[in-house]
Amino acid sequence: MDDLVQFLRARLDEDRERARLIAGALAGNASSLEIRPEQAAAHAQEMVTAAEAMIRLFEETIYSHLRVDGRAGRRADLQMRLMASSYTAHPDYRNDWAPDPV
């Protein structure tokens, strides 16, 4: 489980950094993209905020319940596996991290 936690944290951090880079590029090139600067700035902020929200979601509502017995622990494990499944194309993703089929 620790490998999966590290993998997911690394991907979420990468997503935040990618959102910051894209946000900067979007805000800096709004006019050439024919987007109003205030619209570009708002969208850029939304991308960064969404990436940061995913980190908080994982850390505060999933990770904190991973080693809890019972339903809460099983649910946290499933949520973590579902989050990680969005990175199946990443070369470090392992198939044994996949959530159980429904």
PDB file of N, CA and C in Angstrom:
ATOM      1  N   MET A   1       0.821  -1.193   0.000  1.00  0.00           N
ATOM      2  CA  MET A   1       0.000   0.000   0.000  1.00  0.00           C
ATOM      3  C   MET A   1       0.864   1.257   0.000  1.00  0.00           C
ATOM      4  N   ASP A   2       2.008   1.214   0.671  1.00  0.00           N
ATOM      5  CA  ASP A   2       2.870   2.390   0.721  1.00  0.00           C
ATOM      6  C   ASP A   2       3.362   2.799  -0.664  1.00  0.00           C
ATOM      7  N   ASP A   3       3.624   1.810  -1.534  1.00  0.00           N
ATOM      8  CA  ASP A   3       4.049   2.123  -2.901  1.00  0.00           C
ATOM      9  C   ASP A   3       2.942   2.866  -3.649  1.00  0.00           C
ATOM     10  N   LEU A   4       1.710   2.444  -3.446  1.00  0.00           N
ATOM     11  CA  LEU A   4       0.590   3.095  -4.114  1.00  0.00           C
ATOM     12  C   LEU A   4       0.398   4.515  -3.587  1.00  0.00           C
ATOM     13  N   VAL A   5       0.543   4.703  -2.293  1.00  0.00           N
ATOM     14  CA  VAL A   5       0.431   6.039  -1.704  1.00  0.00           C
ATOM     15  C   VAL A   5       1.501   6.951  -2.299  1.00  0.00           C
ATOM     16  N   GLN A   6       2.733   6.480  -2.361  1.00  0.00           N
ATOM     17  CA  GLN A   6       3.817   7.291  -2.921  1.00  0.00           C
ATOM     18  C   GLN A   6       3.567   7.601  -4.398  1.00  0.00           C
ATOM     19  N   PHE A   7       3.111   6.613  -5.137  1.00  0.00           N
ATOM     20  CA  PHE A   7       2.811   6.802  -6.549  1.00  0.00           C
ATOM     21  C   PHE A   7       1.744   7.880  -6.722  1.00  0.00           C
ATOM     22  N   LEU A   8       0.661   7.761  -5.971  1.00  0.00           N
ATOM     23  CA  LEU A   8      -0.437   8.704  -6.114  1.00  0.00           C
ATOM     24  C   LEU A   8      -0.025  10.115  -5.686  1.00  0.00           C
ATOM     25  N   ARG A   9       0.706  10.229  -4.604  1.00  0.00           N
ATOM     26  CA  ARG A   9       1.181  11.550  -4.185  1.00  0.00           C
ATOM     27  C   ARG A   9       2.063  12.189  -5.264  1.00  0.00           C
ATOM     28  N   ALA A  10       2.929  11.405  -5.865  1.00  0.00           N
ATOM     29  CA  ALA A  10       3.806  11.930  -6.916  1.00  0.00           C
ATOM     30  C   ALA A  10       2.991  12.402  -8.121  1.00  0.00           C
ATOM     31  N   ARG A  11       1.985  11.627  -8.520  1.00  0.00           N
ATOM     32  CA  ARG A  11       1.159  12.026  -9.657  1.00  0.00           C
ATOM     33  C   ARG A  11       0.365  13.291  -9.336  1.00  0.00           C
ATOM     34  N   LEU A  12      -0.177  13.370  -8.138  1.00  0.00           N
ATOM     35  CA  LEU A  12      -0.946  14.561  -7.757  1.00  0.00           C
ATOM     36  C   LEU A  12      -0.059  15.795  -7.712  1.00  0.00           C
ATOM     37  N   ASP A  13       1.161  15.640  -7.220  1.00  0.00           N
ATOM     38  CA  ASP A  13       2.104  16.765  -7.227  1.00  0.00           C
ATOM     39  C   ASP A  13       2.432  17.179  -8.659  1.00  0.00           C
ATOM     40  N   GLU A  14       2.643  16.198  -9.535  1.00  0.00           N
ATOM     41  CA  GLU A  14       2.907  16.508 -10.941  1.00  0.00           C
ATOM     42  C   GLU A  14       1.723  17.238 -11.570  1.00  0.00           C
ATOM     43  N   ASP A  15       0.525  16.797 -11.236  1.00  0.00           N
ATOM     44  CA  ASP A  15      -0.674  17.450 -11.771  1.00  0.00           C
ATOM     45  C   ASP A  15      -0.745  18.914 -11.323  1.00  0.00           C
ATOM     46  N   ARG A  16      -0.402  19.162 -10.064  1.00  0.00           N
ATOM     47  CA  ARG A  16      -0.418  20.544  -9.570  1.00  0.00           C
ATOM     48  C   ARG A  16       0.614  21.391 -10.314  1.00  0.00           C
ATOM     49  N   GLU A  17       1.808  20.867 -10.493  1.00  0.00           N
ATOM     50  CA  GLU A  17       2.840  21.621 -11.193  1.00  0.00           C
ATOM     51  C   GLU A  17       2.463  21.846 -12.658  1.00  0.00           C
ATOM     52  N   ARG A  18       1.881  20.839 -13.285  1.00  0.00           N
ATOM     53  CA  ARG A  18       1.435  20.974 -14.672  1.00  0.00           C
ATOM     54  C   ARG A  18       0.332  22.029 -14.766  1.00  0.00           C
ATOM     55  N   ALA A  19      -0.590  22.030 -13.810  1.00  0.00           N
ATOM     56  CA  ALA A  19      -1.656  23.030 -13.801  1.00  0.00           C
ATOM     57  C   ALA A  19      -1.076  24.430 -13.660  1.00  0.00           C
ATOM     58  N   ARG A  20      -0.072  24.579 -12.818  1.00  0.00           N
ATOM     59  CA  ARG A  20       0.570  25.889 -12.649  1.00  0.00           C
ATOM     60  C   ARG A  20       1.238  26.349 -13.940  1.00  0.00           C
ATOM     61  N   LEU A  21       1.930  25.436 -14.609  1.00  0.00           N
ATOM     62  CA  LEU A  21       2.591  25.788 -15.876  1.00  0.00           C
ATOM     63  C   LEU A  21       1.571  26.165 -16.950  1.00  0.00           C
ATOM     64  N   ILE A  22       0.536  25.365 -17.069  1.00  0.00           N
ATOM     65  CA  ILE A  22      -0.495  25.641 -18.065  1.00  0.00           C
ATOM     66  C   ILE A  22      -1.219  26.940 -17.732  1.00  0.00           C
ATOM     67  N   ALA A  23      -1.475  27.140 -16.449  1.00  0.00           N
ATOM     68  CA  ALA A  23      -2.153  28.370 -16.027  1.00  0.00           C
ATOM     69  C   ALA A  23      -1.333  29.596 -16.398  1.00  0.00           C
ATOM     70  N   GLY A  24      -0.036  29.529 -16.163  1.00  0.00           N
ATOM     71  CA  GLY A  24       0.835  30.644 -16.520  1.00  0.00           C
ATOM     72  C   GLY A  24       0.852  30.894 -18.019  1.00  0.00           C
ATOM     73  N   ALA A  25       0.922  29.814 -18.780  1.00  0.00           N
ATOM     74  CA  ALA A  25       0.931  29.949 -20.234  1.00  0.00           C
ATOM     75  C   ALA A  25      -0.397  30.498 -20.734  1.00  0.00           C
ATOM     76  N   LEU A  26      -1.486  30.039 -20.168  1.00  0.00           N
ATOM     77  CA  LEU A  26      -2.803  30.508 -20.571  1.00  0.00           C
ATOM     78  C   LEU A  26      -2.975  31.987 -20.260  1.00  0.00           C
ATOM     79  N   ALA A  27      -2.631  32.361 -19.051  1.00  0.00           N
ATOM     80  CA  ALA A  27      -2.770  33.761 -18.659  1.00  0.00           C
ATOM     81  C   ALA A  27      -1.850  34.660 -19.488  1.00  0.00           C
ATOM     82  N   GLY A  28      -0.662  34.189 -19.782  1.00  0.00           N
ATOM     83  CA  GLY A  28       0.291  34.992 -20.527  1.00  0.00           C
ATOM     84  C   GLY A  28       0.022  35.094 -22.017  1.00  0.00           C
ATOM     85  N   ASN A  29      -0.801  34.189 -22.538  1.00  0.00           N
ATOM     86  CA  ASN A  29      -1.082  34.167 -23.975  1.00  0.00           C
ATOM     87  C   ASN A  29      -2.558  34.341 -24.296  1.00  0.00           C
ATOM     88  N   ALA A  30      -3.294  34.907 -23.378  1.00  0.00           N
ATOM     89  CA  ALA A  30      -4.744  35.036 -23.554  1.00  0.00           C
ATOM     90  C   ALA A  30      -5.100  35.754 -24.847  1.00  0.00           C
ATOM     91  N   SER A  31      -4.451  36.843 -25.131  1.00  0.00           N
ATOM     92  CA  SER A  31      -4.829  37.615 -26.318  1.00  0.00           C
ATOM     93  C   SER A  31      -4.553  36.837 -27.605  1.00  0.00           C
ATOM     94  N   SER A  32      -3.443  36.127 -27.669  1.00  0.00           N
ATOM     95  CA  SER A  32      -3.154  35.351 -28.880  1.00  0.00           C
ATOM     96  C   SER A  32      -4.094  34.153 -29.013  1.00  0.00           C
ATOM     97  N   LEU A  33      -4.697  33.729 -27.911  1.00  0.00           N
ATOM     98  CA  LEU A  33      -5.670  32.638 -27.937  1.00  0.00           C
ATOM     99  C   LEU A  33      -7.093  33.149 -28.094  1.00  0.00           C
ATOM    100  N   GLU A  34      -7.195  34.477 -28.220  1.00  0.00           N
ATOM    101  CA  GLU A  34      -8.493  35.139 -28.364  1.00  0.00           C
ATOM    102  C   GLU A  34      -9.408  34.870 -27.175  1.00  0.00           C
ATOM    103  N   ILE A  35      -8.812  34.943 -25.976  1.00  0.00           N
ATOM    104  CA  ILE A  35      -9.546  34.795 -24.723  1.00  0.00           C
ATOM    105  C   ILE A  35      -9.361  36.091 -23.946  1.00  0.00           C
ATOM    106  N   ARG A  36     -10.429  36.564 -23.351  1.00  0.00           N
ATOM    107  CA  ARG A  36     -10.301  37.767 -22.531  1.00  0.00           C
ATOM    108  C   ARG A  36      -9.357  37.479 -21.378  1.00  0.00           C
ATOM    109  N   PRO A  37      -8.459  38.404 -21.035  1.00  0.00           N
ATOM    110  CA  PRO A  37      -7.486  38.175 -19.972  1.00  0.00           C
ATOM    111  C   PRO A  37      -8.116  37.767 -18.645  1.00  0.00           C
ATOM    112  N   GLU A  38      -9.232  38.386 -18.279  1.00  0.00           N
ATOM    113  CA  GLU A  38      -9.874  38.022 -17.006  1.00  0.00           C
ATOM    114  C   GLU A  38     -10.464  36.616 -17.050  1.00  0.00           C
ATOM    115  N   GLN A  39     -10.932  36.213 -18.234  1.00  0.00           N
ATOM    116  CA  GLN A  39     -11.447  34.855 -18.397  1.00  0.00           C
ATOM    117  C   GLN A  39     -10.299  33.843 -18.313  1.00  0.00           C
ATOM    118  N   ALA A  40      -9.178  34.154 -18.938  1.00  0.00           N
ATOM    119  CA  ALA A  40      -8.008  33.279 -18.890  1.00  0.00           C
ATOM    120  C   ALA A  40      -7.490  33.164 -17.464  1.00  0.00           C
ATOM    121  N   ALA A  41      -7.436  34.280 -16.754  1.00  0.00           N
ATOM    122  CA  ALA A  41      -6.952  34.257 -15.372  1.00  0.00           C
ATOM    123  C   ALA A  41      -7.872  33.425 -14.479  1.00  0.00           C
ATOM    124  N   ALA A  42      -9.170  33.562 -14.674  1.00  0.00           N
ATOM    125  CA  ALA A  42     -10.122  32.786 -13.870  1.00  0.00           C
ATOM    126  C   ALA A  42      -9.981  31.292 -14.154  1.00  0.00           C
ATOM    127  N   HIS A  43      -9.872  30.942 -15.427  1.00  0.00           N
ATOM    128  CA  HIS A  43      -9.724  29.526 -15.777  1.00  0.00           C
ATOM    129  C   HIS A  43      -8.403  28.975 -15.260  1.00  0.00           C
ATOM    130  N   ALA A  44      -7.356  29.763 -15.365  1.00  0.00           N
ATOM    131  CA  ALA A  44      -6.049  29.342 -14.862  1.00  0.00           C
ATOM    132  C   ALA A  44      -6.119  29.066 -13.369  1.00  0.00           C
ATOM    133  N   GLN A  45      -6.768  29.958 -12.630  1.00  0.00           N
ATOM    134  CA  GLN A  45      -6.896  29.764 -11.179  1.00  0.00           C
ATOM    135  C   GLN A  45      -7.726  28.525 -10.862  1.00  0.00           C
ATOM    136  N   GLU A  46      -8.765  28.270 -11.648  1.00  0.00           N
ATOM    137  CA  GLU A  46      -9.591  27.084 -11.437  1.00  0.00           C
ATOM    138  C   GLU A  46      -8.788  25.797 -11.616  1.00  0.00           C
ATOM    139  N   MET A  47      -7.910  25.772 -12.609  1.00  0.00           N
ATOM    140  CA  MET A  47      -7.090  24.578 -12.844  1.00  0.00           C
ATOM    141  C   MET A  47      -6.164  24.305 -11.665  1.00  0.00           C
ATOM    142  N   VAL A  48      -5.524  25.338 -11.163  1.00  0.00           N
ATOM    143  CA  VAL A  48      -4.614  25.174 -10.032  1.00  0.00           C
ATOM    144  C   VAL A  48      -5.396  24.781  -8.785  1.00  0.00           C
ATOM    145  N   THR A  49      -6.515  25.434  -8.553  1.00  0.00           N
ATOM    146  CA  THR A  49      -7.341  25.129  -7.382  1.00  0.00           C
ATOM    147  C   THR A  49      -7.851  23.695  -7.427  1.00  0.00           C
ATOM    148  N   ALA A  50      -8.244  23.224  -8.609  1.00  0.00           N
ATOM    149  CA  ALA A  50      -8.727  21.844  -8.742  1.00  0.00           C
ATOM    150  C   ALA A  50      -7.617  20.844  -8.428  1.00  0.00           C
ATOM    151  N   ALA A  51      -6.410  21.097  -8.906  1.00  0.00           N
ATOM    152  CA  ALA A  51      -5.287  20.201  -8.622  1.00  0.00           C
ATOM    153  C   ALA A  51      -4.972  20.183  -7.127  1.00  0.00           C
ATOM    154  N   GLU A  52      -4.998  21.349  -6.499  1.00  0.00           N
ATOM    155  CA  GLU A  52      -4.746  21.419  -5.060  1.00  0.00           C
ATOM    156  C   GLU A  52      -5.873  20.761  -4.266  1.00  0.00           C
ATOM    157  N   ALA A  53      -7.096  20.857  -4.755  1.00  0.00           N
ATOM    158  CA  ALA A  53      -8.230  20.214  -4.086  1.00  0.00           C
ATOM    159  C   ALA A  53      -8.091  18.692  -4.108  1.00  0.00           C
ATOM    160  N   MET A  54      -7.567  18.148  -5.218  1.00  0.00           N
ATOM    161  CA  MET A  54      -7.371  16.700  -5.294  1.00  0.00           C
ATOM    162  C   MET A  54      -6.341  16.241  -4.265  1.00  0.00           C
ATOM    163  N   ILE A  55      -5.317  17.036  -4.058  1.00  0.00           N
ATOM    164  CA  ILE A  55      -4.311  16.698  -3.044  1.00  0.00           C
ATOM    165  C   ILE A  55      -4.953  16.707  -1.671  1.00  0.00           C
ATOM    166  N   ARG A  56      -5.718  17.738  -1.365  1.00  0.00           N
ATOM    167  CA  ARG A  56      -6.398  17.810  -0.063  1.00  0.00           C
ATOM    168  C   ARG A  56      -7.389  16.667   0.105  1.00  0.00           C
ATOM    169  N   LEU A  57      -8.131  16.360  -0.950  1.00  0.00           N
ATOM    170  CA  LEU A  57      -9.084  15.254  -0.889  1.00  0.00           C
ATOM    171  C   LEU A  57      -8.369  13.971  -0.498  1.00  0.00           C
ATOM    172  N   PHE A  58      -7.255  13.706  -1.164  1.00  0.00           N
ATOM    173  CA  PHE A  58      -6.511  12.491  -0.849  1.00  0.00           C
ATOM    174  C   PHE A  58      -5.971  12.519   0.576  1.00  0.00           C
ATOM    175  N   GLU A  59      -5.274  13.584   0.930  1.00  0.00           N
ATOM    176  CA  GLU A  59      -4.609  13.640   2.232  1.00  0.00           C
ATOM    177  C   GLU A  59      -5.592  13.690   3.403  1.00  0.00           C
ATOM    178  N   GLU A  60      -6.649  14.463   3.277  1.00  0.00           N
ATOM    179  CA  GLU A  60      -7.530  14.704   4.422  1.00  0.00           C
ATOM    180  C   GLU A  60      -8.702  13.741   4.545  1.00  0.00           C
ATOM    181  N   THR A  61      -9.134  13.162   3.431  1.00  0.00           N
ATOM    182  CA  THR A  61     -10.316  12.301   3.536  1.00  0.00           C
ATOM    183  C   THR A  61     -10.064  10.855   3.132  1.00  0.00           C
ATOM    184  N   ILE A  62      -8.969  10.592   2.455  1.00  0.00           N
ATOM    185  CA  ILE A  62      -8.673   9.217   2.040  1.00  0.00           C
ATOM    186  C   ILE A  62      -7.498   8.663   2.837  1.00  0.00           C
ATOM    187  N   TYR A  63      -6.344   9.301   2.725  1.00  0.00           N
ATOM    188  CA  TYR A  63      -5.145   8.787   3.388  1.00  0.00           C
ATOM    189  C   TYR A  63      -5.365   8.611   4.892  1.00  0.00           C
ATOM    190  N   SER A  64      -6.027   9.562   5.499  1.00  0.00           N
ATOM    191  CA  SER A  64      -6.221   9.503   6.953  1.00  0.00           C
ATOM    192  C   SER A  64      -7.091   8.326   7.395  1.00  0.00           C
ATOM    193  N   HIS A  65      -7.765   7.674   6.453  1.00  0.00           N
ATOM    194  CA  HIS A  65      -8.625   6.538   6.790  1.00  0.00           C
ATOM    195  C   HIS A  65      -8.123   5.202   6.242  1.00  0.00           C
ATOM    196  N   LEU A  66      -6.960   5.189   5.619  1.00  0.00           N
ATOM    197  CA  LEU A  66      -6.494   3.958   4.967  1.00  0.00           C
ATOM    198  C   LEU A  66      -6.278   2.793   5.924  1.00  0.00           C
ATOM    199  N   ARG A  67      -5.780   3.046   7.073  1.00  0.00           N
ATOM    200  CA  ARG A  67      -5.463   1.950   7.994  1.00  0.00           C
ATOM    201  C   ARG A  67      -6.524   1.761   9.075  1.00  0.00           C
ATOM    202  N   VAL A  68      -7.703   2.289   8.809  1.00  0.00           N
ATOM    203  CA  VAL A  68      -8.823   2.140   9.733  1.00  0.00           C
ATOM    204  C   VAL A  68      -9.528   0.826   9.427  1.00  0.00           C
ATOM    205  N   ASP A  69      -9.915   0.114  10.453  1.00  0.00           N
ATOM    206  CA  ASP A  69     -10.626  -1.147  10.255  1.00  0.00           C
ATOM    207  C   ASP A  69     -12.060  -0.882   9.791  1.00  0.00           C
ATOM    208  N   GLY A  70     -12.637  -1.875   9.158  1.00  0.00           N
ATOM    209  CA  GLY A  70     -14.040  -1.818   8.794  1.00  0.00           C
ATOM    210  C   GLY A  70     -14.318  -1.088   7.498  1.00  0.00           C
ATOM    211  N   ARG A  71     -15.558  -0.655   7.384  1.00  0.00           N
ATOM    212  CA  ARG A  71     -16.053  -0.032   6.164  1.00  0.00           C
ATOM    213  C   ARG A  71     -15.267   1.220   5.773  1.00  0.00           C
ATOM    214  N   ALA A  72     -14.922   2.050   6.730  1.00  0.00           N
ATOM    215  CA  ALA A  72     -14.203   3.293   6.421  1.00  0.00           C
ATOM    216  C   ALA A  72     -12.844   2.996   5.778  1.00  0.00           C
ATOM    217  N   GLY A  73     -12.138   2.021   6.298  1.00  0.00           N
ATOM    218  CA  GLY A  73     -10.848   1.657   5.733  1.00  0.00           C
ATOM    219  C   GLY A  73     -10.966   1.061   4.339  1.00  0.00           C
ATOM    220  N   ARG A  74     -11.971   0.206   4.151  1.00  0.00           N
ATOM    221  CA  ARG A  74     -12.186  -0.391   2.822  1.00  0.00           C
ATOM    222  C   ARG A  74     -12.581   0.676   1.806  1.00  0.00           C
ATOM    223  N   ARG A  75     -13.420   1.603   2.233  1.00  0.00           N
ATOM    224  CA  ARG A  75     -13.849   2.676   1.337  1.00  0.00           C
ATOM    225  C   ARG A  75     -12.661   3.578   0.963  1.00  0.00           C
ATOM    226  N   ALA A  76     -11.828   3.904   1.932  1.00  0.00           N
ATOM    227  CA  ALA A  76     -10.651   4.730   1.659  1.00  0.00           C
ATOM    228  C   ALA A  76      -9.710   4.024   0.687  1.00  0.00           C
ATOM    229  N   ASP A  77      -9.527   2.722   0.874  1.00  0.00           N
ATOM    230  CA  ASP A  77      -8.671   1.957  -0.036  1.00  0.00           C
ATOM    231  C   ASP A  77      -9.243   1.983  -1.452  1.00  0.00           C
ATOM    232  N   LEU A  78     -10.545   1.787  -1.582  1.00  0.00           N
ATOM    233  CA  LEU A  78     -11.179   1.825  -2.898  1.00  0.00           C
ATOM    234  C   LEU A  78     -11.042   3.213  -3.524  1.00  0.00           C
ATOM    235  N   GLN A  79     -11.264   4.251  -2.756  1.00  0.00           N
ATOM    236  CA  GLN A  79     -11.150   5.607  -3.285  1.00  0.00           C
ATOM    237  C   GLN A  79      -9.727   5.889  -3.771  1.00  0.00           C
ATOM    238  N   MET A  80      -8.735   5.441  -3.015  1.00  0.00           N
ATOM    239  CA  MET A  80      -7.350   5.638  -3.429  1.00  0.00           C
ATOM    240  C   MET A  80      -7.079   4.890  -4.736  1.00  0.00           C
ATOM    241  N   ARG A  81      -7.543   3.670  -4.835  1.00  0.00           N
ATOM    242  CA  ARG A  81      -7.327   2.883  -6.045  1.00  0.00           C
ATOM    243  C   ARG A  81      -8.041   3.502  -7.249  1.00  0.00           C
ATOM    244  N   LEU A  82      -9.234   4.046  -7.009  1.00  0.00           N
ATOM    245  CA  LEU A  82      -9.955   4.720  -8.090  1.00  0.00           C
ATOM    246  C   LEU A  82      -9.212   5.970  -8.553  1.00  0.00           C
ATOM    247  N   MET A  83      -8.690   6.745  -7.607  1.00  0.00           N
ATOM    248  CA  MET A  83      -7.910   7.926  -7.973  1.00  0.00           C
ATOM    249  C   MET A  83      -6.685   7.514  -8.785  1.00  0.00           C
ATOM    250  N   ALA A  84      -5.995   6.490  -8.332  1.00  0.00           N
ATOM    251  CA  ALA A  84      -4.782   6.038  -9.013  1.00  0.00           C
ATOM    252  C   ALA A  84      -5.091   5.464 -10.388  1.00  0.00           C
ATOM    253  N   SER A  85      -6.282   4.926 -10.577  1.00  0.00           N
ATOM    254  CA  SER A  85      -6.610   4.302 -11.863  1.00  0.00           C
ATOM    255  C   SER A  85      -6.657   5.306 -13.007  1.00  0.00           C
ATOM    256  N   SER A  86      -6.730   6.585 -12.690  1.00  0.00           N
ATOM    257  CA  SER A  86      -6.694   7.571 -13.772  1.00  0.00           C
ATOM    258  C   SER A  86      -5.282   7.717 -14.340  1.00  0.00           C
ATOM    259  N   TYR A  87      -4.311   7.056 -13.732  1.00  0.00           N
ATOM    260  CA  TYR A  87      -2.921   7.121 -14.188  1.00  0.00           C
ATOM    261  C   TYR A  87      -2.438   5.778 -14.744  1.00  0.00           C
ATOM    262  N   THR A  88      -3.339   4.960 -15.248  1.00  0.00           N
ATOM    263  CA  THR A  88      -2.952   3.633 -15.737  1.00  0.00           C
ATOM    264  C   THR A  88      -1.953   3.690 -16.888  1.00  0.00           C
ATOM    265  N   ALA A  89      -1.910   4.787 -17.625  1.00  0.00           N
ATOM    266  CA  ALA A  89      -0.956   4.905 -18.732  1.00  0.00           C
ATOM    267  C   ALA A  89       0.448   5.262 -18.250  1.00  0.00           C
ATOM    268  N   HIS A  90       0.585   5.642 -16.999  1.00  0.00           N
ATOM    269  CA  HIS A  90       1.898   5.994 -16.457  1.00  0.00           C
ATOM    270  C   HIS A  90       2.754   4.727 -16.366  1.00  0.00           C
ATOM    271  N   PRO A  91       4.017   4.804 -16.736  1.00  0.00           N
ATOM    272  CA  PRO A  91       4.858   3.588 -16.738  1.00  0.00           C
ATOM    273  C   PRO A  91       5.068   2.968 -15.355  1.00  0.00           C
ATOM    274  N   ASP A  92       4.873   3.719 -14.290  1.00  0.00           N
ATOM    275  CA  ASP A  92       5.064   3.161 -12.951  1.00  0.00           C
ATOM    276  C   ASP A  92       3.784   2.591 -12.337  1.00  0.00           C
ATOM    277  N   TYR A  93       2.671   2.716 -13.044  1.00  0.00           N
ATOM    278  CA  TYR A  93       1.410   2.174 -12.527  1.00  0.00           C
ATOM    279  C   TYR A  93       1.469   0.654 -12.554  1.00  0.00           C
ATOM    280  N   ARG A  94       0.994   0.047 -11.485  1.00  0.00           N
ATOM    281  CA  ARG A  94       0.978  -1.418 -11.406  1.00  0.00           C
ATOM    282  C   ARG A  94      -0.461  -1.915 -11.463  1.00  0.00           C
ATOM    283  N   ASN A  95      -0.691  -2.951 -12.247  1.00  0.00           N
ATOM    284  CA  ASN A  95      -2.043  -3.492 -12.407  1.00  0.00           C
ATOM    285  C   ASN A  95      -2.651  -4.003 -11.108  1.00  0.00           C
ATOM    286  N   ASP A  96      -1.822  -4.411 -10.157  1.00  0.00           N
ATOM    287  CA  ASP A  96      -2.385  -4.911  -8.901  1.00  0.00           C
ATOM    288  C   ASP A  96      -2.947  -3.778  -8.039  1.00  0.00           C
ATOM    289  N   TRP A  97      -2.777  -2.536  -8.478  1.00  0.00           N
ATOM    290  CA  TRP A  97      -3.376  -1.401  -7.770  1.00  0.00           C
ATOM    291  C   TRP A  97      -4.800  -1.119  -8.255  1.00  0.00           C
ATOM    292  N   ALA A  98      -5.198  -1.773  -9.308  1.00  0.00           N
ATOM    293  CA  ALA A  98      -6.535  -1.516  -9.867  1.00  0.00           C
ATOM    294  C   ALA A  98      -7.607  -1.837  -8.835  1.00  0.00           C
ATOM    295  N   PRO A  99      -8.683  -1.049  -8.841  1.00  0.00           N
ATOM    296  CA  PRO A  99      -9.793  -1.367  -7.926  1.00  0.00           C
ATOM    297  C   PRO A  99     -10.438  -2.671  -8.361  1.00  0.00           C
ATOM    298  N   ASP A 100     -11.013  -3.355  -7.410  1.00  0.00           N
ATOM    299  CA  ASP A 100     -11.724  -4.595  -7.745  1.00  0.00           C
ATOM    300  C   ASP A 100     -12.870  -4.273  -8.708  1.00  0.00           C
ATOM    301  N   PRO A 101     -13.103  -5.154  -9.687  1.00  0.00           N
ATOM    302  CA  PRO A 101     -14.217  -4.896 -10.606  1.00  0.00           C
ATOM    303  C   PRO A 101     -15.542  -4.916  -9.865  1.00  0.00           C
ATOM    304  N   VAL A 102     -16.481  -4.178 -10.394  1.00  0.00           N
ATOM    305  CA  VAL A 102     -17.808  -4.092  -9.774  1.00  0.00           C
ATOM    306  C   VAL A 102     -18.579  -5.352 -10.018  1.00  0.00           C
TER     307      VAL A 102
END
